[in-house]
Amino acid sequence: MILSKAEQMDTVAILEKLVSFDTTSRNANVALVEWIESWLDMHGVSHTRSHGPEDGK
């Protein structure tokens, strides 16, 4: 599959955003999860959040 220039730019922007989140294990990942949920919502993708034993992780 070959991506168009616009799709490549979108992919790079998404990857840049994803790696910008501090997901160090001592920190909560809520901001990352919320951003991904928002992106999925904007693209009409259904999803379910599952919570682990620790709040925000």
Protein backbone atom coordinates (compact mmCIF):
# COMPACT_ATOMS: atom_id res chain seq x y z
CA MET A 1 0.00 0.00 0.00
CA ILE A 2 1.42 3.36 -1.04
CA LEU A 3 0.34 6.43 0.90
CA SER A 4 -0.31 9.79 -0.70
CA LYS A 5 1.72 12.83 0.41
CA ALA A 6 -1.20 14.04 2.55
CA GLU A 7 -1.56 10.62 4.18
CA GLN A 8 2.19 10.48 4.84
CA MET A 9 2.05 13.91 6.46
CA ASP A 10 -0.91 12.86 8.60
CA THR A 11 0.95 9.73 9.64
CA VAL A 12 4.04 11.71 10.63
CA ALA A 13 1.92 14.21 12.59
CA ILE A 14 0.17 11.39 14.44
CA LEU A 15 3.46 9.69 15.28
CA GLU A 16 4.96 12.99 16.46
CA LYS A 17 1.96 13.51 18.74
CA LEU A 18 2.09 9.97 20.11
CA VAL A 19 5.78 10.14 21.00
CA SER A 20 5.28 13.55 22.65
CA PHE A 21 3.40 11.96 25.58
CA ASP A 22 5.49 11.18 28.65
CA THR A 23 4.63 7.53 29.19
CA THR A 24 7.30 6.89 31.80
CA SER A 25 6.05 3.98 33.90
CA ARG A 26 5.72 6.08 37.06
CA ASN A 27 3.29 8.47 35.31
CA ALA A 28 -0.34 8.01 34.43
CA ASN A 29 -1.11 7.51 30.73
CA VAL A 30 -4.53 9.16 30.84
CA ALA A 31 -3.57 12.03 28.52
CA LEU A 32 -2.35 9.58 25.88
CA VAL A 33 -5.45 7.40 26.19
CA GLU A 34 -7.76 10.43 25.98
CA TRP A 35 -5.97 11.72 22.87
CA ILE A 36 -6.27 8.33 21.17
CA GLU A 37 -9.95 8.08 22.13
CA SER A 38 -10.57 11.54 20.67
CA TRP A 39 -8.79 10.59 17.43
CA LEU A 40 -10.82 7.38 17.19
CA ASP A 41 -14.06 9.32 17.83
CA MET A 42 -13.21 11.82 15.06
CA HIS A 43 -12.74 8.92 12.65
CA GLY A 44 -15.88 7.03 13.67
CA VAL A 45 -14.01 4.13 15.25
CA SER A 46 -15.77 2.47 18.17
CA HIS A 47 -13.66 1.67 21.21
CA THR A 48 -13.89 0.63 24.83
CA ARG A 49 -11.55 1.74 27.60
CA SER A 50 -10.50 -0.98 30.02
CA HIS A 51 -9.18 0.11 33.40
CA GLY A 52 -6.30 -1.66 35.11
CA PRO A 53 -5.74 -2.06 38.82
CA GLU A 54 -3.98 1.33 39.14
CA ASP A 55 -5.81 4.63 38.61
CA GLY A 56 -4.74 6.32 35.40
CA LYS A 57 -2.36 3.60 34.32
